[in-house]
Amino acid sequence: MSCFAGPFTDVVMTELKLSNPTEKRVCFKVKTTAPKRYCVRPNSGIIEPGGKVAVSLMLQPFTYDPKEKNKHKFMVLTMVAPDEFESQDALWKEMPQDQLMDSKLKCVFEMPESEQNNLDSSVKKDESAKSMDTSFTSAELPNANVHAGNLESELKRSMENCKRLSQDLRDARQENSRLKEEAVRLRKVTKVETERSTPSASSSSRTVSMEEPSASLPPIVYLVAAIILGLIIGKFIL
């Protein structure tokens, strides 16, 4: 178990002592479940046979809450070091899991009595302030309910207006489609009637044009034609 004594307004440090009672070199590594809250120096190394190593565990400043349950833990991994190896990092990666030994340590936060009393007073003040805020909010609830009722009625009216406008828009679209169809139908009827009336008009114009030359000949033309005809007949008689 690792114990950290408050106040926790600054870095709090405690020591973890590791010993090697065996006759072989032992590699160790220290891990934590909250790496952002703790600094571990050194976090790994080698303990000589019969030797000891002190590991510093440093807790970073934070706001202490006695009601909050602390679930932070440290885990110490150890293994027998081989006679020759290149680096500890490679050794930890290559070592089989069944050859590793681990020990778990729970973290405990302790607040001094004077600091604990001050903290209790602060907690009571906070609870009292929360109670006052709750009472004030409860007093405002009737007005809030009235305001909510007004908003609900306004929302209903807005929805009805939207429905009415949507229906008007649909009716306008249907009327527009009907007018377009009627315009197309009228254009077709006009085209058919125009095609029917065009041939008779052209034939009548041709008849009039053929009749106009004969009707427009002056009497002198007939007189000249009669004289020429008489000369021709007289020539054949003589």
C-alpha atoms as a PDB file:
ATOM      1  CA  MET A   1       0.000   0.000   0.000  1.00  0.00           C
ATOM      2  CA  SER A   2       1.323   3.456  -0.957  1.00  0.00           C
ATOM      3  CA  CYS A   3       0.240   6.293   1.325  1.00  0.00           C
ATOM      4  CA  PHE A   4       0.165   9.960   0.235  1.00  0.00           C
ATOM      5  CA  ALA A   5      -0.326  12.603   2.945  1.00  0.00           C
ATOM      6  CA  GLY A   6      -2.072  15.893   2.073  1.00  0.00           C
ATOM      7  CA  PRO A   7      -2.655  18.710   1.557  1.00  0.00           C
ATOM      8  CA  PHE A   8      -2.548  18.026  -2.149  1.00  0.00           C
ATOM      9  CA  THR A   9      -2.052  21.593  -3.348  1.00  0.00           C
ATOM     10  CA  ASP A  10       1.568  20.731  -4.192  1.00  0.00           C
ATOM     11  CA  VAL A  11       3.501  17.657  -5.319  1.00  0.00           C
ATOM     12  CA  VAL A  12       3.342  14.906  -2.681  1.00  0.00           C
ATOM     13  CA  MET A  13       6.111  12.305  -2.727  1.00  0.00           C
ATOM     14  CA  THR A  14       6.446   8.919  -1.094  1.00  0.00           C
ATOM     15  CA  GLU A  15       9.041   6.174  -1.467  1.00  0.00           C
ATOM     16  CA  LEU A  16       8.610   2.606  -2.588  1.00  0.00           C
ATOM     17  CA  LYS A  17      11.488   0.406  -1.358  1.00  0.00           C
ATOM     18  CA  LEU A  18      12.341  -2.692  -3.377  1.00  0.00           C
ATOM     19  CA  SER A  19      14.765  -5.365  -2.172  1.00  0.00           C
ATOM     20  CA  ASN A  20      16.325  -8.438  -3.807  1.00  0.00           C
ATOM     21  CA  PRO A  21      16.895 -11.269  -1.305  1.00  0.00           C
ATOM     22  CA  THR A  22      18.004 -13.713  -4.021  1.00  0.00           C
ATOM     23  CA  GLU A  23      21.479 -14.438  -5.324  1.00  0.00           C
ATOM     24  CA  LYS A  24      20.603 -13.365  -8.872  1.00  0.00           C
ATOM     25  CA  ARG A  25      20.153 -10.007 -10.495  1.00  0.00           C
ATOM     26  CA  VAL A  26      16.507  -8.944 -10.764  1.00  0.00           C
ATOM     27  CA  CYS A  27      14.966  -6.526 -13.265  1.00  0.00           C
ATOM     28  CA  PHE A  28      12.027  -4.417 -12.091  1.00  0.00           C
ATOM     29  CA  LYS A  29       9.471  -2.088 -13.675  1.00  0.00           C
ATOM     30  CA  VAL A  30       6.865   0.091 -11.907  1.00  0.00           C
ATOM     31  CA  LYS A  31       3.558   0.924 -13.625  1.00  0.00           C
ATOM     32  CA  THR A  32       0.530   2.966 -12.509  1.00  0.00           C
ATOM     33  CA  THR A  33      -3.123   2.951 -13.505  1.00  0.00           C
ATOM     34  CA  ALA A  34      -3.089   6.797 -13.622  1.00  0.00           C
ATOM     35  CA  PRO A  35       0.097   7.828 -15.471  1.00  0.00           C
ATOM     36  CA  LYS A  36      -1.071  11.461 -15.777  1.00  0.00           C
ATOM     37  CA  ARG A  37      -1.397  11.806 -11.989  1.00  0.00           C
ATOM     38  CA  TYR A  38       1.914  10.261 -10.929  1.00  0.00           C
ATOM     39  CA  CYS A  39       5.604  10.474 -11.769  1.00  0.00           C
ATOM     40  CA  VAL A  40       7.759   7.420 -11.006  1.00  0.00           C
ATOM     41  CA  ARG A  41      11.556   7.768 -10.740  1.00  0.00           C
ATOM     42  CA  PRO A  42      13.142   5.409 -11.624  1.00  0.00           C
ATOM     43  CA  ASN A  43      10.349   3.442 -13.251  1.00  0.00           C
ATOM     44  CA  SER A  44      12.649   0.533 -14.169  1.00  0.00           C
ATOM     45  CA  GLY A  45      16.087  -0.826 -13.359  1.00  0.00           C
ATOM     46  CA  ILE A  46      18.136  -3.717 -11.961  1.00  0.00           C
ATOM     47  CA  ILE A  47      18.507  -4.784  -8.332  1.00  0.00           C
ATOM     48  CA  GLU A  48      21.741  -6.545  -7.537  1.00  0.00           C
ATOM     49  CA  PRO A  49      21.721  -9.719  -5.395  1.00  0.00           C
ATOM     50  CA  GLY A  50      20.933  -8.713  -1.808  1.00  0.00           C
ATOM     51  CA  GLY A  51      20.537  -5.084  -2.868  1.00  0.00           C
ATOM     52  CA  LYS A  52      17.797  -2.476  -2.409  1.00  0.00           C
ATOM     53  CA  VAL A  53      16.360   0.306  -4.572  1.00  0.00           C
ATOM     54  CA  ALA A  54      14.217   3.283  -3.497  1.00  0.00           C
ATOM     55  CA  VAL A  55      11.607   4.338  -6.082  1.00  0.00           C
ATOM     56  CA  SER A  56      10.087   7.831  -5.734  1.00  0.00           C
ATOM     57  CA  LEU A  57       6.341   8.077  -6.334  1.00  0.00           C
ATOM     58  CA  MET A  58       5.263  11.696  -6.923  1.00  0.00           C
ATOM     59  CA  LEU A  59       1.583  12.634  -6.860  1.00  0.00           C
ATOM     60  CA  GLN A  60       0.697  15.732  -8.898  1.00  0.00           C
ATOM     61  CA  PRO A  61      -1.415  18.528  -7.295  1.00  0.00           C
ATOM     62  CA  PHE A  62      -5.197  18.085  -7.481  1.00  0.00           C
ATOM     63  CA  THR A  63      -8.411  19.042  -5.679  1.00  0.00           C
ATOM     64  CA  TYR A  64      -9.017  16.514  -2.937  1.00  0.00           C
ATOM     65  CA  ASP A  65     -12.557  15.238  -2.422  1.00  0.00           C
ATOM     66  CA  PRO A  66     -13.000  12.879   0.567  1.00  0.00           C
ATOM     67  CA  LYS A  67     -16.172  11.426  -0.982  1.00  0.00           C
ATOM     68  CA  GLU A  68     -14.352  10.378  -4.124  1.00  0.00           C
ATOM     69  CA  LYS A  69     -13.167   6.797  -4.035  1.00  0.00           C
ATOM     70  CA  ASN A  70      -9.532   6.371  -4.951  1.00  0.00           C
ATOM     71  CA  LYS A  71      -8.948   3.488  -7.335  1.00  0.00           C
ATOM     72  CA  HIS A  72      -5.341   4.266  -8.250  1.00  0.00           C
ATOM     73  CA  LYS A  73      -2.879   1.403  -8.043  1.00  0.00           C
ATOM     74  CA  PHE A  74       0.773   0.662  -8.715  1.00  0.00           C
ATOM     75  CA  MET A  75       2.037  -2.593 -10.170  1.00  0.00           C
ATOM     76  CA  VAL A  76       5.632  -3.772  -9.719  1.00  0.00           C
ATOM     77  CA  LEU A  77       6.854  -6.253 -12.342  1.00  0.00           C
ATOM     78  CA  THR A  78      10.000  -8.283 -11.664  1.00  0.00           C
ATOM     79  CA  MET A  79      11.983 -10.989 -13.448  1.00  0.00           C
ATOM     80  CA  VAL A  80      15.318 -12.703 -13.083  1.00  0.00           C
ATOM     81  CA  ALA A  81      17.851 -10.998 -15.338  1.00  0.00           C
ATOM     82  CA  PRO A  82      19.758 -13.261 -17.751  1.00  0.00           C
ATOM     83  CA  ASP A  83      23.538 -13.257 -17.727  1.00  0.00           C
ATOM     84  CA  GLU A  84      23.735 -11.280 -20.949  1.00  0.00           C
ATOM     85  CA  PHE A  85      21.195  -8.977 -22.633  1.00  0.00           C
ATOM     86  CA  GLU A  86      21.361  -5.896 -24.844  1.00  0.00           C
ATOM     87  CA  SER A  87      18.670  -3.638 -23.337  1.00  0.00           C
ATOM     88  CA  GLN A  88      15.965  -3.845 -20.714  1.00  0.00           C
ATOM     89  CA  ASP A  89      13.269  -2.659 -23.162  1.00  0.00           C
ATOM     90  CA  ALA A  90      13.972  -5.554 -25.506  1.00  0.00           C
ATOM     91  CA  LEU A  91      14.211  -7.908 -22.548  1.00  0.00           C
ATOM     92  CA  TRP A  92      10.751  -6.927 -21.257  1.00  0.00           C
ATOM     93  CA  LYS A  93       9.244  -7.419 -24.712  1.00  0.00           C
ATOM     94  CA  GLU A  94      10.851 -10.817 -25.332  1.00  0.00           C
ATOM     95  CA  MET A  95      10.419 -12.319 -21.863  1.00  0.00           C
ATOM     96  CA  PRO A  96       7.524 -14.861 -21.671  1.00  0.00           C
ATOM     97  CA  GLN A  97       4.651 -13.836 -19.400  1.00  0.00           C
ATOM     98  CA  ASP A  98       4.947 -16.951 -17.252  1.00  0.00           C
ATOM     99  CA  GLN A  99       8.422 -15.827 -16.137  1.00  0.00           C
ATOM    100  CA  LEU A 100       7.210 -12.428 -14.878  1.00  0.00           C
ATOM    101  CA  MET A 101       6.220 -11.758 -11.275  1.00  0.00           C
ATOM    102  CA  ASP A 102       3.925  -8.881 -10.328  1.00  0.00           C
ATOM    103  CA  SER A 103       2.790  -7.192  -7.124  1.00  0.00           C
ATOM    104  CA  LYS A 104      -0.039  -4.651  -6.858  1.00  0.00           C
ATOM    105  CA  LEU A 105      -0.063  -1.733  -4.424  1.00  0.00           C
ATOM    106  CA  LYS A 106      -3.143   0.343  -3.630  1.00  0.00           C
ATOM    107  CA  CYS A 107      -2.834   4.130  -3.202  1.00  0.00           C
ATOM    108  CA  VAL A 108      -4.250   5.759  -0.066  1.00  0.00           C
ATOM    109  CA  PHE A 109      -4.761   9.515   0.447  1.00  0.00           C
ATOM    110  CA  GLU A 110      -4.522  10.861   4.002  1.00  0.00           C
ATOM    111  CA  MET A 111      -5.467  14.402   4.940  1.00  0.00           C
ATOM    112  CA  PRO A 112      -4.079  15.977   8.173  1.00  0.00           C
ATOM    113  CA  GLU A 113      -6.708  16.578  10.870  1.00  0.00           C
ATOM    114  CA  SER A 114      -6.583  20.389  10.627  1.00  0.00           C
ATOM    115  CA  GLU A 115      -6.861  20.285   6.859  1.00  0.00           C
ATOM    116  CA  GLN A 116      -9.672  17.746   7.127  1.00  0.00           C
ATOM    117  CA  ASN A 117     -11.673  20.092   9.402  1.00  0.00           C
ATOM    118  CA  ASN A 118     -11.237  22.973   6.977  1.00  0.00           C
ATOM    119  CA  LEU A 119     -12.269  20.711   4.143  1.00  0.00           C
ATOM    120  CA  ASP A 120     -15.397  19.579   5.999  1.00  0.00           C
ATOM    121  CA  SER A 121     -16.363  23.219   6.587  1.00  0.00           C
ATOM    122  CA  SER A 122     -15.927  23.995   2.906  1.00  0.00           C
ATOM    123  CA  VAL A 123     -18.036  20.993   1.960  1.00  0.00           C
ATOM    124  CA  LYS A 124     -20.837  22.111   4.301  1.00  0.00           C
ATOM    125  CA  LYS A 125     -20.769  25.619   2.821  1.00  0.00           C
ATOM    126  CA  ASP A 126     -20.991  24.203  -0.668  1.00  0.00           C
ATOM    127  CA  GLU A 127     -23.940  22.005   0.300  1.00  0.00           C
ATOM    128  CA  SER A 128     -25.705  24.993   1.900  1.00  0.00           C
ATOM    129  CA  ALA A 129     -25.146  27.093  -1.212  1.00  0.00           C
ATOM    130  CA  LYS A 130     -26.529  24.290  -3.377  1.00  0.00           C
ATOM    131  CA  SER A 131     -29.618  24.095  -1.135  1.00  0.00           C
ATOM    132  CA  MET A 132     -30.222  27.844  -1.495  1.00  0.00           C
ATOM    133  CA  ASP A 133     -29.843  27.611  -5.254  1.00  0.00           C
ATOM    134  CA  THR A 134     -32.351  24.756  -5.321  1.00  0.00           C
ATOM    135  CA  SER A 135     -34.901  26.745  -3.275  1.00  0.00           C
ATOM    136  CA  PHE A 136     -34.495  29.762  -5.522  1.00  0.00           C
ATOM    137  CA  THR A 137     -35.011  27.638  -8.579  1.00  0.00           C
ATOM    138  CA  SER A 138     -38.126  26.043  -7.078  1.00  0.00           C
ATOM    139  CA  ALA A 139     -39.619  29.487  -6.429  1.00  0.00           C
ATOM    140  CA  GLU A 140     -39.202  30.360 -10.081  1.00  0.00           C
ATOM    141  CA  LEU A 141     -40.888  27.191 -11.325  1.00  0.00           C
ATOM    142  CA  PRO A 142     -44.472  28.652 -11.632  1.00  0.00           C
ATOM    143  CA  ASN A 143     -43.307  31.451 -13.911  1.00  0.00           C
ATOM    144  CA  ALA A 144     -41.260  28.962 -15.865  1.00  0.00           C
ATOM    145  CA  ASN A 145     -44.322  26.736 -16.297  1.00  0.00           C
ATOM    146  CA  VAL A 146     -46.405  29.679 -17.549  1.00  0.00           C
ATOM    147  CA  HIS A 147     -43.678  30.627 -19.982  1.00  0.00           C
ATOM    148  CA  ALA A 148     -43.471  27.020 -21.175  1.00  0.00           C
ATOM    149  CA  GLY A 149     -47.252  26.969 -21.722  1.00  0.00           C
ATOM    150  CA  ASN A 150     -47.075  30.123 -23.844  1.00  0.00           C
ATOM    151  CA  LEU A 151     -44.270  28.644 -25.891  1.00  0.00           C
ATOM    152  CA  GLU A 152     -46.286  25.473 -26.452  1.00  0.00           C
ATOM    153  CA  SER A 153     -49.331  27.405 -27.719  1.00  0.00           C
ATOM    154  CA  GLU A 154     -47.129  29.506 -29.998  1.00  0.00           C
ATOM    155  CA  LEU A 155     -45.562  26.336 -31.339  1.00  0.00           C
ATOM    156  CA  LYS A 156     -48.983  24.833 -32.089  1.00  0.00           C
ATOM    157  CA  ARG A 157     -50.088  27.959 -33.952  1.00  0.00           C
ATOM    158  CA  SER A 158     -46.875  27.977 -35.953  1.00  0.00           C
ATOM    159  CA  MET A 159     -47.368  24.329 -36.913  1.00  0.00           C
ATOM    160  CA  GLU A 160     -50.961  25.024 -38.028  1.00  0.00           C
ATOM    161  CA  ASN A 161     -49.798  27.961 -40.147  1.00  0.00           C
ATOM    162  CA  CYS A 162     -47.129  25.788 -41.727  1.00  0.00           C
ATOM    163  CA  LYS A 163     -49.713  23.123 -42.586  1.00  0.00           C
ATOM    164  CA  ARG A 164     -52.053  25.732 -44.105  1.00  0.00           C
ATOM    165  CA  LEU A 165     -49.262  27.258 -46.185  1.00  0.00           C
ATOM    166  CA  SER A 166     -48.208  23.813 -47.379  1.00  0.00           C
ATOM    167  CA  GLN A 167     -51.771  23.056 -48.504  1.00  0.00           C
ATOM    168  CA  ASP A 168     -52.004  26.409 -50.324  1.00  0.00           C
ATOM    169  CA  LEU A 169     -48.733  25.659 -52.069  1.00  0.00           C
ATOM    170  CA  ARG A 170     -49.986  22.254 -53.221  1.00  0.00           C
ATOM    171  CA  ASP A 171     -53.228  23.810 -54.529  1.00  0.00           C
ATOM    172  CA  ALA A 172     -51.273  26.479 -56.408  1.00  0.00           C
ATOM    173  CA  ARG A 173     -49.078  23.845 -58.020  1.00  0.00           C
ATOM    174  CA  GLN A 174     -52.111  21.828 -59.115  1.00  0.00           C
ATOM    175  CA  GLU A 175     -53.747  24.942 -60.599  1.00  0.00           C
ATOM    176  CA  ASN A 176     -50.531  25.796 -62.420  1.00  0.00           C
ATOM    177  CA  SER A 177     -50.360  22.302 -63.911  1.00  0.00           C
ATOM    178  CA  ARG A 178     -54.004  22.521 -65.023  1.00  0.00           C
ATOM    179  CA  LEU A 179     -53.408  25.881 -66.730  1.00  0.00           C
ATOM    180  CA  LYS A 180     -50.370  24.521 -68.542  1.00  0.00           C
ATOM    181  CA  GLU A 181     -52.376  21.546 -69.847  1.00  0.00           C
ATOM    182  CA  GLU A 182     -55.190  23.870 -70.991  1.00  0.00           C
ATOM    183  CA  ALA A 183     -52.701  26.101 -72.834  1.00  0.00           C
ATOM    184  CA  VAL A 184     -51.207  23.099 -74.642  1.00  0.00           C
ATOM    185  CA  ARG A 185     -54.678  21.895 -75.647  1.00  0.00           C
ATOM    186  CA  LEU A 186     -55.658  25.327 -77.011  1.00  0.00           C
ATOM    187  CA  ARG A 187     -52.466  25.536 -79.057  1.00  0.00           C
ATOM    188  CA  LYS A 188     -53.211  22.152 -80.628  1.00  0.00           C
ATOM    189  CA  VAL A 189     -56.800  23.152 -81.500  1.00  0.00           C
ATOM    190  CA  THR A 190     -55.657  26.442 -83.048  1.00  0.00           C
ATOM    191  CA  LYS A 191     -53.048  24.671 -85.148  1.00  0.00           C
ATOM    192  CA  VAL A 192     -55.584  22.169 -86.513  1.00  0.00           C
ATOM    193  CA  GLU A 193     -58.072  24.922 -87.423  1.00  0.00           C
ATOM    194  CA  THR A 194     -55.345  26.921 -89.152  1.00  0.00           C
ATOM    195  CA  GLU A 195     -54.285  23.936 -91.246  1.00  0.00           C
ATOM    196  CA  ARG A 196     -57.889  23.297 -92.319  1.00  0.00           C
ATOM    197  CA  SER A 197     -58.552  26.888 -93.439  1.00  0.00           C
ATOM    198  CA  THR A 198     -55.300  27.408 -95.371  1.00  0.00           C
ATOM    199  CA  PRO A 199     -56.025  25.317 -98.650  1.00  0.00           C
ATOM    200  CA  SER A 200     -59.421  26.949 -99.452  1.00  0.00           C
ATOM    201  CA  ALA A 201     -57.970  30.393 -99.028  1.00  0.00           C
ATOM    202  CA  SER A 202     -55.131  29.635-101.449  1.00  0.00           C
ATOM    203  CA  SER A 203     -57.472  28.120-104.090  1.00  0.00           C
ATOM    204  CA  SER A 204     -59.843  31.088-103.949  1.00  0.00           C
ATOM    205  CA  SER A 205     -56.921  33.456-104.340  1.00  0.00           C
ATOM    206  CA  ARG A 206     -55.780  31.539-107.459  1.00  0.00           C
ATOM    207  CA  THR A 207     -59.297  31.712-108.990  1.00  0.00           C
ATOM    208  CA  VAL A 208     -59.522  35.406-108.394  1.00  0.00           C
ATOM    209  CA  SER A 209     -56.091  35.939-109.939  1.00  0.00           C
ATOM    210  CA  MET A 210     -57.092  33.962-113.066  1.00  0.00           C
ATOM    211  CA  GLU A 211     -60.361  35.840-113.485  1.00  0.00           C
ATOM    212  CA  GLU A 212     -58.877  39.249-112.993  1.00  0.00           C
ATOM    213  CA  PRO A 213     -56.937  39.420-116.347  1.00  0.00           C
ATOM    214  CA  SER A 214     -60.001  38.650-118.465  1.00  0.00           C
ATOM    215  CA  ALA A 215     -62.157  41.021-116.524  1.00  0.00           C
ATOM    216  CA  SER A 216     -59.618  43.763-116.738  1.00  0.00           C
ATOM    217  CA  LEU A 217     -59.209  43.766-120.694  1.00  0.00           C
ATOM    218  CA  PRO A 218     -60.367  47.109-122.260  1.00  0.00           C
ATOM    219  CA  PRO A 219     -62.912  47.252-125.242  1.00  0.00           C
ATOM    220  CA  ILE A 220     -60.230  48.453-127.690  1.00  0.00           C
ATOM    221  CA  VAL A 221     -58.592  45.075-127.464  1.00  0.00           C
ATOM    222  CA  TYR A 222     -61.750  43.374-128.660  1.00  0.00           C
ATOM    223  CA  LEU A 223     -62.063  45.879-131.541  1.00  0.00           C
ATOM    224  CA  VAL A 224     -58.521  45.282-132.752  1.00  0.00           C
ATOM    225  CA  ALA A 225     -59.011  41.552-132.522  1.00  0.00           C
ATOM    226  CA  ALA A 226     -62.213  41.810-134.647  1.00  0.00           C
ATOM    227  CA  ILE A 227     -60.447  43.885-137.361  1.00  0.00           C
ATOM    228  CA  ILE A 228     -57.568  41.413-137.572  1.00  0.00           C
ATOM    229  CA  LEU A 229     -59.980  38.518-137.756  1.00  0.00           C
ATOM    230  CA  GLY A 230     -61.916  40.289-140.559  1.00  0.00           C
ATOM    231  CA  LEU A 231     -58.759  40.912-142.562  1.00  0.00           C
ATOM    232  CA  ILE A 232     -57.780  37.295-142.346  1.00  0.00           C
ATOM    233  CA  ILE A 233     -61.205  36.085-143.464  1.00  0.00           C
ATOM    234  CA  GLY A 234     -61.303  38.624-146.329  1.00  0.00           C
ATOM    235  CA  LYS A 235     -57.907  37.532-147.580  1.00  0.00           C
ATOM    236  CA  PHE A 236     -59.031  33.948-147.844  1.00  0.00           C
ATOM    237  CA  ILE A 237     -62.238  34.968-149.680  1.00  0.00           C
ATOM    238  CA  LEU A 238     -60.418  37.112-152.246  1.00  0.00           C
END
